[in-house]
Amino acid sequence: MGKRVIPSVERGIWAAVPVWLQEAPTQIPRSTLGMTHRLVLSRPLSAAKDLLKKTSFLPVLILASVLTAPTAIAQEFCSPALYYLSRGDYARAQNESRRDEGTPASRMNIQGVAEMMSGRQREAIVTLRAALKSDPGYLPARLNLGIALYQQELHAEAAAELERVFQNESALKGNAAYHRGLVAIESDDPRAALIWLQRAIEFDPGLADAHLQIGQVHEHLGELQLAGRSYRSYLAHHPESPAGLLRFGIAAQRAGHIETARRYLRLVLDVAPDSAEAVEARKFFVIWD
């Protein structure tokens, strides 16, 4: 496949999108979904749920699902609509989607994504359902529909759509499992969340943030050793992630490993002194000192 461009969590995922647009479709990272959740993952489970309700997230997953369409990759890859979508110009992306050379379902999928990223989830749901009426087998639109329903807190409907994506053999299987896990978290079903998040890793090992979510679920359940293992797995992918360092440090502190906690929380201050994670880390040093 050649060298893949996988931007780091810390410098922002959108920075690399124009680069992807200059590369062959086979060089697009198969999964970059979890990287868009960093701010959410820096919080305990209950706070993460509140933030997920308020945040218009997942631009990269949505973009990746557009790009991994099984029948129209070439058309959408060169699409002006996709270019404007990657630049955050959602109004122009929506206008261009109407003139796109792809299938009707792929055009409506891009339009639905633009509506989602503009905070118009209800309109996106209508558009994405129309895309699926045009082509019921168009999995990117079904995945995005599941995400939009989740953002609207329609959890049962979201779960049903995500499970339908998961049942198909496609590159989106891991992403669908990941989001089904988030639905389970939001539905206060941590054990189901663990099952789905593990499936996400099984089908897409590149979903590093699944490890971080798993860690938070274990921490929420008081399973601190398992939480620590999951955080370490995440840090193996992103060793300077403030979110990963913070959660591992907090888990270590809760488990009574104070020196380990101090070391990791100090790393948070070193790598991201102005971040929200650093604010949380400093609270512990105030207590200790």
C-alpha atoms as a PDB file:
ATOM      1  CA  MET A   1       0.000   0.000   0.000  1.00  0.00           C
ATOM      2  CA  GLY A   2       2.904   2.346   0.465  1.00  0.00           C
ATOM      3  CA  LYS A   3       3.373   4.767   3.296  1.00  0.00           C
ATOM      4  CA  ARG A   4       0.167   5.708   5.067  1.00  0.00           C
ATOM      5  CA  VAL A   5      -0.435   9.204   6.359  1.00  0.00           C
ATOM      6  CA  ILE A   6      -1.728   8.902   9.899  1.00  0.00           C
ATOM      7  CA  PRO A   7      -1.749  12.289  11.656  1.00  0.00           C
ATOM      8  CA  SER A   8      -1.115  12.353  15.377  1.00  0.00           C
ATOM      9  CA  VAL A   9      -3.842  13.099  17.860  1.00  0.00           C
ATOM     10  CA  GLU A  10      -1.972  16.068  19.228  1.00  0.00           C
ATOM     11  CA  ARG A  11      -1.549  18.159  16.102  1.00  0.00           C
ATOM     12  CA  GLY A  12      -5.106  17.792  14.892  1.00  0.00           C
ATOM     13  CA  ILE A  13      -6.559  15.378  12.430  1.00  0.00           C
ATOM     14  CA  TRP A  14      -7.745  17.904   9.845  1.00  0.00           C
ATOM     15  CA  ALA A  15      -4.198  19.050   9.148  1.00  0.00           C
ATOM     16  CA  ALA A  16      -3.552  15.900   7.138  1.00  0.00           C
ATOM     17  CA  VAL A  17      -6.761  15.764   5.112  1.00  0.00           C
ATOM     18  CA  PRO A  18      -5.490  17.859   2.187  1.00  0.00           C
ATOM     19  CA  VAL A  19      -2.530  15.480   2.029  1.00  0.00           C
ATOM     20  CA  TRP A  20      -4.867  12.509   1.736  1.00  0.00           C
ATOM     21  CA  LEU A  21      -6.621  14.211  -1.145  1.00  0.00           C
ATOM     22  CA  GLN A  22      -3.347  14.216  -3.077  1.00  0.00           C
ATOM     23  CA  GLU A  23      -2.688  10.504  -2.571  1.00  0.00           C
ATOM     24  CA  ALA A  24      -4.035   7.365  -4.154  1.00  0.00           C
ATOM     25  CA  PRO A  25      -7.247   5.997  -2.602  1.00  0.00           C
ATOM     26  CA  THR A  26      -5.419   2.883  -1.424  1.00  0.00           C
ATOM     27  CA  GLN A  27      -3.172   5.038   0.739  1.00  0.00           C
ATOM     28  CA  ILE A  28      -5.954   6.520   2.833  1.00  0.00           C
ATOM     29  CA  PRO A  29      -5.766   5.317   6.440  1.00  0.00           C
ATOM     30  CA  ARG A  30      -8.427   2.687   6.898  1.00  0.00           C
ATOM     31  CA  SER A  31      -9.360   4.041  10.300  1.00  0.00           C
ATOM     32  CA  THR A  32      -8.628   7.310  12.004  1.00  0.00           C
ATOM     33  CA  LEU A  33     -11.860   7.526  13.852  1.00  0.00           C
ATOM     34  CA  GLY A  34     -10.799   7.554  17.494  1.00  0.00           C
ATOM     35  CA  MET A  35      -8.437  10.460  17.076  1.00  0.00           C
ATOM     36  CA  THR A  36     -11.345  12.877  16.984  1.00  0.00           C
ATOM     37  CA  HIS A  37     -12.408  12.015  20.536  1.00  0.00           C
ATOM     38  CA  ARG A  38      -9.398  13.244  22.486  1.00  0.00           C
ATOM     39  CA  LEU A  39     -11.150  15.989  24.448  1.00  0.00           C
ATOM     40  CA  VAL A  40     -13.947  13.659  25.439  1.00  0.00           C
ATOM     41  CA  LEU A  41     -11.568  10.968  26.606  1.00  0.00           C
ATOM     42  CA  SER A  42      -9.779  13.273  28.992  1.00  0.00           C
ATOM     43  CA  ARG A  43     -12.820  13.183  31.254  1.00  0.00           C
ATOM     44  CA  PRO A  44     -14.301  10.532  33.557  1.00  0.00           C
ATOM     45  CA  LEU A  45     -17.016   8.375  32.039  1.00  0.00           C
ATOM     46  CA  SER A  46     -19.956  10.438  33.294  1.00  0.00           C
ATOM     47  CA  ALA A  47     -18.468  13.709  32.049  1.00  0.00           C
ATOM     48  CA  ALA A  48     -17.532  12.103  28.754  1.00  0.00           C
ATOM     49  CA  LYS A  49     -21.177  11.198  28.193  1.00  0.00           C
ATOM     50  CA  ASP A  50     -22.227  14.816  28.728  1.00  0.00           C
ATOM     51  CA  LEU A  51     -19.586  16.093  26.349  1.00  0.00           C
ATOM     52  CA  LEU A  52     -20.518  13.570  23.675  1.00  0.00           C
ATOM     53  CA  LYS A  53     -24.044  14.969  23.708  1.00  0.00           C
ATOM     54  CA  LYS A  54     -22.806  18.517  23.097  1.00  0.00           C
ATOM     55  CA  THR A  55     -19.968  17.959  20.659  1.00  0.00           C
ATOM     56  CA  SER A  56     -20.271  17.827  16.895  1.00  0.00           C
ATOM     57  CA  PHE A  57     -17.593  15.191  16.493  1.00  0.00           C
ATOM     58  CA  LEU A  58     -16.296  12.516  14.179  1.00  0.00           C
ATOM     59  CA  PRO A  59     -15.357  14.533  11.097  1.00  0.00           C
ATOM     60  CA  VAL A  60     -12.616  12.072  10.275  1.00  0.00           C
ATOM     61  CA  LEU A  61     -14.728   8.993  10.688  1.00  0.00           C
ATOM     62  CA  ILE A  62     -17.391  10.550   8.528  1.00  0.00           C
ATOM     63  CA  LEU A  63     -14.811  11.578   5.961  1.00  0.00           C
ATOM     64  CA  ALA A  64     -13.223   8.139   6.075  1.00  0.00           C
ATOM     65  CA  SER A  65     -16.602   6.521   5.527  1.00  0.00           C
ATOM     66  CA  VAL A  66     -17.115   8.687   2.468  1.00  0.00           C
ATOM     67  CA  LEU A  67     -13.720   7.655   1.166  1.00  0.00           C
ATOM     68  CA  THR A  68     -14.148   3.947   1.813  1.00  0.00           C
ATOM     69  CA  ALA A  69     -17.365   3.596  -0.172  1.00  0.00           C
ATOM     70  CA  PRO A  70     -17.192   0.198  -1.906  1.00  0.00           C
ATOM     71  CA  THR A  71     -18.616   1.387  -5.247  1.00  0.00           C
ATOM     72  CA  ALA A  72     -17.635   5.016  -5.762  1.00  0.00           C
ATOM     73  CA  ILE A  73     -14.192   5.622  -4.294  1.00  0.00           C
ATOM     74  CA  ALA A  74     -12.666   7.238  -7.365  1.00  0.00           C
ATOM     75  CA  GLN A  75     -15.533   9.642  -7.947  1.00  0.00           C
ATOM     76  CA  GLU A  76     -15.744  10.792  -4.349  1.00  0.00           C
ATOM     77  CA  PHE A  77     -11.979  10.899  -3.894  1.00  0.00           C
ATOM     78  CA  CYS A  78     -11.701  13.572  -6.595  1.00  0.00           C
ATOM     79  CA  SER A  79     -14.900  15.329  -5.550  1.00  0.00           C
ATOM     80  CA  PRO A  80     -14.836  19.104  -5.027  1.00  0.00           C
ATOM     81  CA  ALA A  81     -17.533  18.497  -2.407  1.00  0.00           C
ATOM     82  CA  LEU A  82     -15.137  16.311  -0.459  1.00  0.00           C
ATOM     83  CA  TYR A  83     -12.408  18.910  -0.793  1.00  0.00           C
ATOM     84  CA  TYR A  84     -14.606  21.624   0.713  1.00  0.00           C
ATOM     85  CA  LEU A  85     -15.780  19.197   3.368  1.00  0.00           C
ATOM     86  CA  SER A  86     -12.167  18.605   4.382  1.00  0.00           C
ATOM     87  CA  ARG A  87     -11.620  22.364   4.591  1.00  0.00           C
ATOM     88  CA  GLY A  88     -14.598  22.867   6.900  1.00  0.00           C
ATOM     89  CA  ASP A  89     -16.548  24.812   4.272  1.00  0.00           C
ATOM     90  CA  TYR A  90     -19.746  22.858   4.753  1.00  0.00           C
ATOM     91  CA  ALA A  91     -22.041  25.166   2.792  1.00  0.00           C
ATOM     92  CA  ARG A  92     -19.900  24.864  -0.353  1.00  0.00           C
ATOM     93  CA  ALA A  93     -19.499  21.145   0.234  1.00  0.00           C
ATOM     94  CA  GLN A  94     -23.258  20.766   0.315  1.00  0.00           C
ATOM     95  CA  ASN A  95     -23.684  22.814  -2.858  1.00  0.00           C
ATOM     96  CA  GLU A  96     -20.964  20.861  -4.664  1.00  0.00           C
ATOM     97  CA  SER A  97     -22.447  17.540  -3.562  1.00  0.00           C
ATOM     98  CA  ARG A  98     -25.462  18.228  -5.755  1.00  0.00           C
ATOM     99  CA  ARG A  99     -23.167  18.359  -8.807  1.00  0.00           C
ATOM    100  CA  ASP A 100     -20.965  15.452  -7.757  1.00  0.00           C
ATOM    101  CA  GLU A 101     -20.311  12.721 -10.311  1.00  0.00           C
ATOM    102  CA  GLY A 102     -20.891   9.904  -7.837  1.00  0.00           C
ATOM    103  CA  THR A 103     -24.044   7.884  -7.310  1.00  0.00           C
ATOM    104  CA  PRO A 104     -27.147   9.564  -5.875  1.00  0.00           C
ATOM    105  CA  ALA A 105     -26.510   7.776  -2.580  1.00  0.00           C
ATOM    106  CA  SER A 106     -22.906   8.991  -2.419  1.00  0.00           C
ATOM    107  CA  ARG A 107     -23.974  12.563  -3.193  1.00  0.00           C
ATOM    108  CA  MET A 108     -26.592  12.500  -0.464  1.00  0.00           C
ATOM    109  CA  ASN A 109     -24.078  10.946   1.904  1.00  0.00           C
ATOM    110  CA  ILE A 110     -21.703  13.895   1.422  1.00  0.00           C
ATOM    111  CA  GLN A 111     -24.621  16.295   1.813  1.00  0.00           C
ATOM    112  CA  GLY A 112     -25.631  14.548   5.029  1.00  0.00           C
ATOM    113  CA  VAL A 113     -22.087  14.770   6.354  1.00  0.00           C
ATOM    114  CA  ALA A 114     -22.001  18.498   5.620  1.00  0.00           C
ATOM    115  CA  GLU A 115     -25.269  18.902   7.526  1.00  0.00           C
ATOM    116  CA  MET A 116     -23.909  16.891  10.451  1.00  0.00           C
ATOM    117  CA  MET A 117     -20.756  18.967  10.635  1.00  0.00           C
ATOM    118  CA  SER A 118     -22.874  22.123  10.548  1.00  0.00           C
ATOM    119  CA  GLY A 119     -24.748  20.920  13.623  1.00  0.00           C
ATOM    120  CA  ARG A 120     -27.907  20.115  11.682  1.00  0.00           C
ATOM    121  CA  GLN A 121     -28.280  16.512  12.717  1.00  0.00           C
ATOM    122  CA  ARG A 122     -32.015  16.311  12.147  1.00  0.00           C
ATOM    123  CA  GLU A 123     -31.604  17.411   8.536  1.00  0.00           C
ATOM    124  CA  ALA A 124     -28.711  14.982   8.166  1.00  0.00           C
ATOM    125  CA  ILE A 125     -30.896  12.109   9.351  1.00  0.00           C
ATOM    126  CA  VAL A 126     -33.473  12.907   6.674  1.00  0.00           C
ATOM    127  CA  THR A 127     -30.788  13.200   3.985  1.00  0.00           C
ATOM    128  CA  LEU A 128     -29.009   9.995   4.975  1.00  0.00           C
ATOM    129  CA  ARG A 129     -32.253   8.058   5.096  1.00  0.00           C
ATOM    130  CA  ALA A 130     -32.948   9.302   1.578  1.00  0.00           C
ATOM    131  CA  ALA A 131     -29.508   8.060   0.547  1.00  0.00           C
ATOM    132  CA  LEU A 132     -30.344   4.630   1.911  1.00  0.00           C
ATOM    133  CA  LYS A 133     -33.701   4.642   0.173  1.00  0.00           C
ATOM    134  CA  SER A 134     -31.777   5.195  -3.053  1.00  0.00           C
ATOM    135  CA  ASP A 135     -29.251   2.464  -2.209  1.00  0.00           C
ATOM    136  CA  PRO A 136     -29.997   0.365   0.898  1.00  0.00           C
ATOM    137  CA  GLY A 137     -26.576  -1.289   0.653  1.00  0.00           C
ATOM    138  CA  TYR A 138     -24.571   1.943   0.803  1.00  0.00           C
ATOM    139  CA  LEU A 139     -22.810   1.342   4.126  1.00  0.00           C
ATOM    140  CA  PRO A 140     -21.123   4.742   4.573  1.00  0.00           C
ATOM    141  CA  ALA A 141     -24.525   6.429   4.634  1.00  0.00           C
ATOM    142  CA  ARG A 142     -25.840   3.848   7.092  1.00  0.00           C
ATOM    143  CA  LEU A 143     -22.841   4.335   9.371  1.00  0.00           C
ATOM    144  CA  ASN A 144     -23.266   8.105   9.280  1.00  0.00           C
ATOM    145  CA  LEU A 145     -26.979   7.703   9.945  1.00  0.00           C
ATOM    146  CA  GLY A 146     -26.136   5.680  13.041  1.00  0.00           C
ATOM    147  CA  ILE A 147     -23.782   8.426  14.202  1.00  0.00           C
ATOM    148  CA  ALA A 148     -26.350  11.162  13.576  1.00  0.00           C
ATOM    149  CA  LEU A 149     -28.992   9.222  15.497  1.00  0.00           C
ATOM    150  CA  TYR A 150     -26.523   8.763  18.342  1.00  0.00           C
ATOM    151  CA  GLN A 151     -25.833  12.491  18.425  1.00  0.00           C
ATOM    152  CA  GLN A 152     -29.572  13.059  18.680  1.00  0.00           C
ATOM    153  CA  GLU A 153     -29.678  10.604  21.610  1.00  0.00           C
ATOM    154  CA  LEU A 154     -31.874   8.185  19.667  1.00  0.00           C
ATOM    155  CA  HIS A 155     -29.885   5.296  21.041  1.00  0.00           C
ATOM    156  CA  ALA A 156     -32.081   2.353  20.094  1.00  0.00           C
ATOM    157  CA  GLU A 157     -32.278   3.502  16.478  1.00  0.00           C
ATOM    158  CA  ALA A 158     -28.567   4.267  16.408  1.00  0.00           C
ATOM    159  CA  ALA A 159     -27.727   0.831  17.772  1.00  0.00           C
ATOM    160  CA  ALA A 160     -29.875  -0.847  15.130  1.00  0.00           C
ATOM    161  CA  GLU A 161     -28.204   1.006  12.242  1.00  0.00           C
ATOM    162  CA  LEU A 162     -24.687   0.448  13.585  1.00  0.00           C
ATOM    163  CA  GLU A 163     -25.336  -3.241  14.077  1.00  0.00           C
ATOM    164  CA  ARG A 164     -26.567  -3.508  10.486  1.00  0.00           C
ATOM    165  CA  VAL A 165     -23.257  -2.024   9.321  1.00  0.00           C
ATOM    166  CA  PHE A 166     -21.343  -4.393  11.578  1.00  0.00           C
ATOM    167  CA  GLN A 167     -23.121  -7.417  10.138  1.00  0.00           C
ATOM    168  CA  ASN A 168     -21.607  -6.679   6.718  1.00  0.00           C
ATOM    169  CA  GLU A 169     -18.045  -7.543   5.790  1.00  0.00           C
ATOM    170  CA  SER A 170     -16.523  -4.163   5.025  1.00  0.00           C
ATOM    171  CA  ALA A 171     -13.768  -1.796   6.085  1.00  0.00           C
ATOM    172  CA  LEU A 172     -16.343   0.002   8.253  1.00  0.00           C
ATOM    173  CA  LYS A 173     -16.945  -2.988  10.533  1.00  0.00           C
ATOM    174  CA  GLY A 174     -14.552  -1.784  13.225  1.00  0.00           C
ATOM    175  CA  ASN A 175     -15.916   1.752  13.121  1.00  0.00           C
ATOM    176  CA  ALA A 176     -19.457   0.458  13.504  1.00  0.00           C
ATOM    177  CA  ALA A 177     -18.457  -1.632  16.519  1.00  0.00           C
ATOM    178  CA  TYR A 178     -16.683   1.351  18.074  1.00  0.00           C
ATOM    179  CA  HIS A 179     -19.744   3.532  17.827  1.00  0.00           C
ATOM    180  CA  ARG A 180     -21.984   0.746  19.022  1.00  0.00           C
ATOM    181  CA  GLY A 181     -19.747   0.686  22.082  1.00  0.00           C
ATOM    182  CA  LEU A 182     -20.265   4.421  22.580  1.00  0.00           C
ATOM    183  CA  VAL A 183     -24.013   3.908  22.373  1.00  0.00           C
ATOM    184  CA  ALA A 184     -23.707   1.261  25.088  1.00  0.00           C
ATOM    185  CA  ILE A 185     -21.739   3.695  27.275  1.00  0.00           C
ATOM    186  CA  GLU A 186     -24.392   6.341  26.798  1.00  0.00           C
ATOM    187  CA  SER A 187     -27.042   3.736  27.634  1.00  0.00           C
ATOM    188  CA  ASP A 188     -25.306   2.870  30.932  1.00  0.00           C
ATOM    189  CA  ASP A 189     -24.434  -0.645  29.795  1.00  0.00           C
ATOM    190  CA  PRO A 190     -20.684  -0.867  30.465  1.00  0.00           C
ATOM    191  CA  ARG A 191     -20.396  -4.623  29.936  1.00  0.00           C
ATOM    192  CA  ALA A 192     -21.960  -4.380  26.500  1.00  0.00           C
ATOM    193  CA  ALA A 193     -19.676  -1.428  25.794  1.00  0.00           C
ATOM    194  CA  LEU A 194     -16.631  -3.567  26.565  1.00  0.00           C
ATOM    195  CA  ILE A 195     -17.815  -6.284  24.180  1.00  0.00           C
ATOM    196  CA  TRP A 196     -18.369  -3.857  21.323  1.00  0.00           C
ATOM    197  CA  LEU A 197     -15.149  -1.936  21.890  1.00  0.00           C
ATOM    198  CA  GLN A 198     -13.164  -5.168  21.922  1.00  0.00           C
ATOM    199  CA  ARG A 199     -14.815  -6.114  18.649  1.00  0.00           C
ATOM    200  CA  ALA A 200     -13.760  -2.751  17.239  1.00  0.00           C
ATOM    201  CA  ILE A 201     -10.131  -3.535  18.033  1.00  0.00           C
ATOM    202  CA  GLU A 202     -10.484  -7.050  16.660  1.00  0.00           C
ATOM    203  CA  PHE A 203     -11.734  -5.831  13.297  1.00  0.00           C
ATOM    204  CA  ASP A 204      -9.646  -2.672  13.136  1.00  0.00           C
ATOM    205  CA  PRO A 205      -6.496  -2.714  15.306  1.00  0.00           C
ATOM    206  CA  GLY A 206      -5.832   0.854  14.209  1.00  0.00           C
ATOM    207  CA  LEU A 207      -8.681   2.156  16.369  1.00  0.00           C
ATOM    208  CA  ALA A 208      -6.343   3.076  19.194  1.00  0.00           C
ATOM    209  CA  ASP A 209      -8.948   5.159  21.016  1.00  0.00           C
ATOM    210  CA  ALA A 210     -10.980   2.022  21.586  1.00  0.00           C
ATOM    211  CA  HIS A 211      -8.289   1.083  24.114  1.00  0.00           C
ATOM    212  CA  LEU A 212      -8.765   4.422  25.837  1.00  0.00           C
ATOM    213  CA  GLN A 213     -12.523   4.011  25.967  1.00  0.00           C
ATOM    214  CA  ILE A 214     -12.122   0.474  27.300  1.00  0.00           C
ATOM    215  CA  GLY A 215      -9.815   1.823  29.972  1.00  0.00           C
ATOM    216  CA  GLN A 216     -12.383   4.383  31.029  1.00  0.00           C
ATOM    217  CA  VAL A 217     -15.104   1.749  31.251  1.00  0.00           C
ATOM    218  CA  HIS A 218     -12.892  -0.487  33.398  1.00  0.00           C
ATOM    219  CA  GLU A 219     -11.988   2.496  35.568  1.00  0.00           C
ATOM    220  CA  HIS A 220     -15.671   3.344  35.943  1.00  0.00           C
ATOM    221  CA  LEU A 221     -16.257  -0.235  37.125  1.00  0.00           C
ATOM    222  CA  GLY A 222     -13.370  -0.015  39.601  1.00  0.00           C
ATOM    223  CA  GLU A 223     -11.274  -2.510  37.627  1.00  0.00           C
ATOM    224  CA  LEU A 224      -8.129  -0.438  37.889  1.00  0.00           C
ATOM    225  CA  GLN A 225      -5.602  -3.060  36.786  1.00  0.00           C
ATOM    226  CA  LEU A 226      -7.550  -3.721  33.593  1.00  0.00           C
ATOM    227  CA  ALA A 227      -7.965   0.010  33.091  1.00  0.00           C
ATOM    228  CA  GLY A 228      -4.222   0.499  33.400  1.00  0.00           C
ATOM    229  CA  ARG A 229      -3.540  -2.188  30.805  1.00  0.00           C
ATOM    230  CA  SER A 230      -5.901  -0.559  28.342  1.00  0.00           C
ATOM    231  CA  TYR A 231      -4.389   2.864  28.903  1.00  0.00           C
ATOM    232  CA  ARG A 232      -0.928   1.429  28.329  1.00  0.00           C
ATOM    233  CA  SER A 233      -2.144  -0.117  25.078  1.00  0.00           C
ATOM    234  CA  TYR A 234      -3.386   3.272  23.979  1.00  0.00           C
ATOM    235  CA  LEU A 235      -0.127   4.957  24.977  1.00  0.00           C
ATOM    236  CA  ALA A 236       1.777   2.424  22.895  1.00  0.00           C
ATOM    237  CA  HIS A 237       0.079   4.052  19.894  1.00  0.00           C
ATOM    238  CA  HIS A 238       0.202   7.640  21.182  1.00  0.00           C
ATOM    239  CA  PRO A 239       2.920   7.927  23.844  1.00  0.00           C
ATOM    240  CA  GLU A 240       2.543  11.703  24.215  1.00  0.00           C
ATOM    241  CA  SER A 241      -1.233  11.875  24.313  1.00  0.00           C
ATOM    242  CA  PRO A 242      -2.289  14.105  27.224  1.00  0.00           C
ATOM    243  CA  ALA A 243      -5.554  12.166  27.503  1.00  0.00           C
ATOM    244  CA  GLY A 244      -3.800   8.805  27.774  1.00  0.00           C
ATOM    245  CA  LEU A 245      -1.182  10.068  30.204  1.00  0.00           C
ATOM    246  CA  LEU A 246      -3.823  11.708  32.377  1.00  0.00           C
ATOM    247  CA  ARG A 247      -6.087   8.686  32.569  1.00  0.00           C
ATOM    248  CA  PHE A 248      -3.197   6.325  33.299  1.00  0.00           C
ATOM    249  CA  GLY A 249      -1.937   8.671  35.997  1.00  0.00           C
ATOM    250  CA  ILE A 250      -5.342   8.943  37.622  1.00  0.00           C
ATOM    251  CA  ALA A 251      -5.847   5.170  37.530  1.00  0.00           C
ATOM    252  CA  ALA A 252      -2.426   4.701  39.136  1.00  0.00           C
ATOM    253  CA  GLN A 253      -3.325   7.207  41.846  1.00  0.00           C
ATOM    254  CA  ARG A 254      -6.595   5.431  42.559  1.00  0.00           C
ATOM    255  CA  ALA A 255      -4.749   2.114  42.770  1.00  0.00           C
ATOM    256  CA  GLY A 256      -2.318   3.559  45.331  1.00  0.00           C
ATOM    257  CA  HIS A 257       0.720   3.810  43.031  1.00  0.00           C
ATOM    258  CA  ILE A 258       1.471   7.426  43.856  1.00  0.00           C
ATOM    259  CA  GLU A 259       4.955   7.660  42.372  1.00  0.00           C
ATOM    260  CA  THR A 260       3.749   6.211  39.093  1.00  0.00           C
ATOM    261  CA  ALA A 261       0.829   8.625  39.152  1.00  0.00           C
ATOM    262  CA  ARG A 262       3.158  11.575  39.767  1.00  0.00           C
ATOM    263  CA  ARG A 263       5.396  10.545  36.883  1.00  0.00           C
ATOM    264  CA  TYR A 264       2.589  10.273  34.361  1.00  0.00           C
ATOM    265  CA  LEU A 265       0.765  13.385  35.492  1.00  0.00           C
ATOM    266  CA  ARG A 266       4.047  15.293  35.275  1.00  0.00           C
ATOM    267  CA  LEU A 267       4.317  14.116  31.676  1.00  0.00           C
ATOM    268  CA  VAL A 268       0.918  15.675  30.999  1.00  0.00           C
ATOM    269  CA  LEU A 269       2.305  19.035  32.117  1.00  0.00           C
ATOM    270  CA  ASP A 270       5.422  18.532  30.018  1.00  0.00           C
ATOM    271  CA  VAL A 271       3.737  17.625  26.731  1.00  0.00           C
ATOM    272  CA  ALA A 272       0.659  19.870  26.936  1.00  0.00           C
ATOM    273  CA  PRO A 273       1.029  22.521  29.666  1.00  0.00           C
ATOM    274  CA  ASP A 274      -1.908  24.614  28.404  1.00  0.00           C
ATOM    275  CA  SER A 275      -4.355  21.768  27.861  1.00  0.00           C
ATOM    276  CA  ALA A 276      -7.504  20.857  29.760  1.00  0.00           C
ATOM    277  CA  GLU A 277      -5.682  17.680  30.791  1.00  0.00           C
ATOM    278  CA  ALA A 278      -2.940  19.763  32.395  1.00  0.00           C
ATOM    279  CA  VAL A 279      -5.550  21.604  34.462  1.00  0.00           C
ATOM    280  CA  GLU A 280      -6.761  18.258  35.797  1.00  0.00           C
ATOM    281  CA  ALA A 281      -3.210  17.022  36.439  1.00  0.00           C
ATOM    282  CA  ARG A 282      -2.280  20.135  38.432  1.00  0.00           C
ATOM    283  CA  LYS A 283      -5.128  19.465  40.856  1.00  0.00           C
ATOM    284  CA  PHE A 284      -3.366  16.321  42.040  1.00  0.00           C
ATOM    285  CA  PHE A 285      -0.066  18.114  42.582  1.00  0.00           C
ATOM    286  CA  VAL A 286      -1.875  20.730  44.681  1.00  0.00           C
ATOM    287  CA  ILE A 287      -3.239  17.919  46.854  1.00  0.00           C
ATOM    288  CA  TRP A 288       0.100  16.109  47.103  1.00  0.00           C
ATOM    289  CA  ASP A 289       2.175  19.219  47.754  1.00  0.00           C
END
